[in-house]
Amino acid sequence: VQLQASGGGLVQAGGYLRLSCTASGGTFSSYVMGWFRQVPGKEREFVAAISWSSASTTYADPVKGRFAISRDNARNTVYLQMNSLKFEDTAIYYCAAAITYTGPYAFNLMREYDYWGQGTQLTVSS
């Protein structure tokens, strides 16, 4: 499974951006997909996740109400719509796929994700 994240860039605080992550190989429609982010010198942290059916989503507290995760199984793509961006959202954003879990829920456990994309940089100017 290969994951290609895109859509990062420079945006002003209060602005918005949408990240995309397209998967190739495997069976995308059966995977839990997640977004994580990392600032240099800090640990990678969970942002959002979505179940294979889109019925279950979960978000980290700092992004609740501002970010929305969605997916298009026909396009093998997961999205992260980011609104009301803050300076502290600045990070490298990674998408990840959990392929061994077959249940109906999304989750934030990093160790459960098996494949990772290369990351895309988001910079929010204050």
Protein backbone atom coordinates (compact mmCIF):
# COMPACT_ATOMS: atom_id res chain seq x y z
CA VAL A 1 0.00 0.00 0.00
CA GLN A 2 1.37 3.39 -0.98
CA LEU A 3 -0.06 6.65 0.30
CA GLN A 4 0.48 10.00 -1.36
CA ALA A 5 -0.47 13.08 0.63
CA SER A 6 -0.91 16.46 -1.00
CA GLY A 7 -2.53 19.83 -0.53
CA GLY A 8 -0.30 21.41 2.06
CA GLY A 9 0.86 24.98 1.78
CA LEU A 10 1.03 28.39 3.38
CA VAL A 11 -2.20 29.93 4.66
CA GLN A 12 -3.07 32.81 6.93
CA ALA A 13 -4.56 32.24 10.34
CA GLY A 14 -8.32 31.95 10.05
CA GLY A 15 -8.05 30.49 6.58
CA TYR A 16 -8.77 27.04 5.28
CA LEU A 17 -7.15 24.26 3.31
CA ARG A 18 -7.96 20.73 2.25
CA LEU A 19 -5.46 17.92 2.34
CA SER A 20 -5.80 14.82 0.20
CA CYS A 21 -4.27 11.40 0.49
CA THR A 22 -4.56 8.89 -2.33
CA ALA A 23 -3.83 5.22 -1.84
CA SER A 24 -2.58 2.73 -4.36
CA GLY A 25 -2.38 -1.01 -3.90
CA GLY A 26 -4.46 -2.97 -1.48
CA THR A 27 -8.16 -2.50 -0.78
CA PHE A 28 -8.61 1.10 0.27
CA SER A 29 -12.33 0.74 0.92
CA SER A 30 -11.65 -1.67 3.81
CA TYR A 31 -9.08 0.44 5.68
CA VAL A 32 -9.40 2.80 8.57
CA MET A 33 -7.66 5.98 7.47
CA GLY A 34 -6.10 8.54 9.74
CA TRP A 35 -4.36 11.87 9.69
CA PHE A 36 -1.53 12.68 12.05
CA ARG A 37 0.78 15.66 12.35
CA GLN A 38 4.23 16.37 13.62
CA VAL A 39 6.19 19.45 14.49
CA PRO A 40 9.99 19.11 14.40
CA GLY A 41 11.26 18.16 17.81
CA LYS A 42 7.89 16.90 18.98
CA GLU A 43 6.15 13.56 18.82
CA ARG A 44 3.73 12.77 16.07
CA GLU A 45 0.15 13.29 17.20
CA PHE A 46 -3.24 12.12 16.11
CA VAL A 47 -5.52 14.50 14.23
CA ALA A 48 -8.50 12.59 12.82
CA ALA A 49 -9.59 9.17 11.61
CA ILE A 50 -12.42 7.67 9.62
CA SER A 51 -13.74 4.15 9.39
CA TRP A 52 -13.95 2.23 6.12
CA SER A 53 -17.63 3.06 5.72
CA SER A 54 -17.34 6.69 6.88
CA ALA A 55 -19.87 5.87 9.60
CA SER A 56 -17.35 6.46 12.36
CA THR A 57 -15.02 9.42 12.73
CA THR A 58 -12.92 10.64 15.61
CA TYR A 59 -10.95 13.84 16.18
CA ALA A 60 -8.30 15.15 18.48
CA ASP A 61 -9.64 17.78 20.84
CA PRO A 62 -7.59 20.67 19.38
CA VAL A 63 -9.20 20.26 15.95
CA LYS A 64 -12.78 19.35 16.88
CA GLY A 65 -15.25 21.64 15.21
CA ARG A 66 -12.62 22.99 12.82
CA PHE A 67 -11.40 19.95 10.87
CA ALA A 68 -13.45 17.37 9.00
CA ILE A 69 -12.24 14.06 7.67
CA SER A 70 -13.96 12.35 4.76
CA ARG A 71 -13.24 9.73 2.17
CA ASP A 72 -14.15 8.71 -1.34
CA ASN A 73 -13.66 4.99 -1.69
CA ALA A 74 -14.25 5.16 -5.43
CA ARG A 75 -11.26 7.48 -5.72
CA ASN A 76 -9.14 5.72 -3.06
CA THR A 77 -8.77 9.09 -1.38
CA VAL A 78 -9.18 10.47 2.11
CA TYR A 79 -9.51 14.19 2.77
CA LEU A 80 -8.91 16.51 5.66
CA GLN A 81 -10.80 19.77 5.43
CA MET A 82 -9.17 22.26 7.76
CA ASN A 83 -11.03 25.45 8.64
CA SER A 84 -10.34 28.32 11.02
CA LEU A 85 -6.67 27.48 10.91
CA LYS A 86 -4.44 28.55 13.76
CA PHE A 87 -0.72 29.11 13.97
CA GLU A 88 -0.46 26.02 16.17
CA ASP A 89 -1.80 23.87 13.34
CA THR A 90 1.51 24.34 11.57
CA ALA A 91 3.05 20.90 11.11
CA ILE A 92 3.81 18.17 8.65
CA TYR A 93 0.63 16.21 8.10
CA TYR A 94 0.75 12.49 7.47
CA CYS A 95 -1.96 10.16 6.32
CA ALA A 96 -1.96 6.58 7.45
CA ALA A 97 -3.82 3.35 6.76
CA ALA A 98 -4.79 0.64 9.21
CA ILE A 99 -5.23 -2.51 7.15
CA THR A 100 -5.44 -5.29 9.73
CA TYR A 101 -8.39 -3.92 11.71
CA THR A 102 -11.69 -5.02 10.21
CA GLY A 103 -14.16 -3.49 12.66
CA PRO A 104 -16.55 -0.60 12.17
CA TYR A 105 -14.80 2.10 14.15
CA ALA A 106 -12.19 4.74 13.58
CA PHE A 107 -9.43 5.06 16.14
CA ASN A 108 -6.49 7.17 17.19
CA LEU A 109 -3.95 4.51 18.16
CA MET A 110 -0.86 5.24 16.13
CA ARG A 111 0.52 1.76 16.61
CA GLU A 112 -2.49 0.30 14.81
CA TYR A 113 -1.67 2.09 11.57
CA ASP A 114 0.39 0.02 9.19
CA TYR A 115 1.23 2.30 6.29
CA TRP A 116 2.18 5.95 6.18
CA GLY A 117 2.38 8.59 3.53
CA GLN A 118 5.32 10.91 3.07
CA GLY A 119 3.75 13.94 4.70
CA THR A 120 2.70 17.34 3.45
CA GLN A 121 3.67 20.62 5.10
CA LEU A 122 1.07 23.04 6.41
CA THR A 123 2.28 26.44 7.52
CA VAL A 124 -0.16 28.85 9.10
CA SER A 125 1.02 32.42 9.37
CA SER A 126 -0.18 34.42 12.35
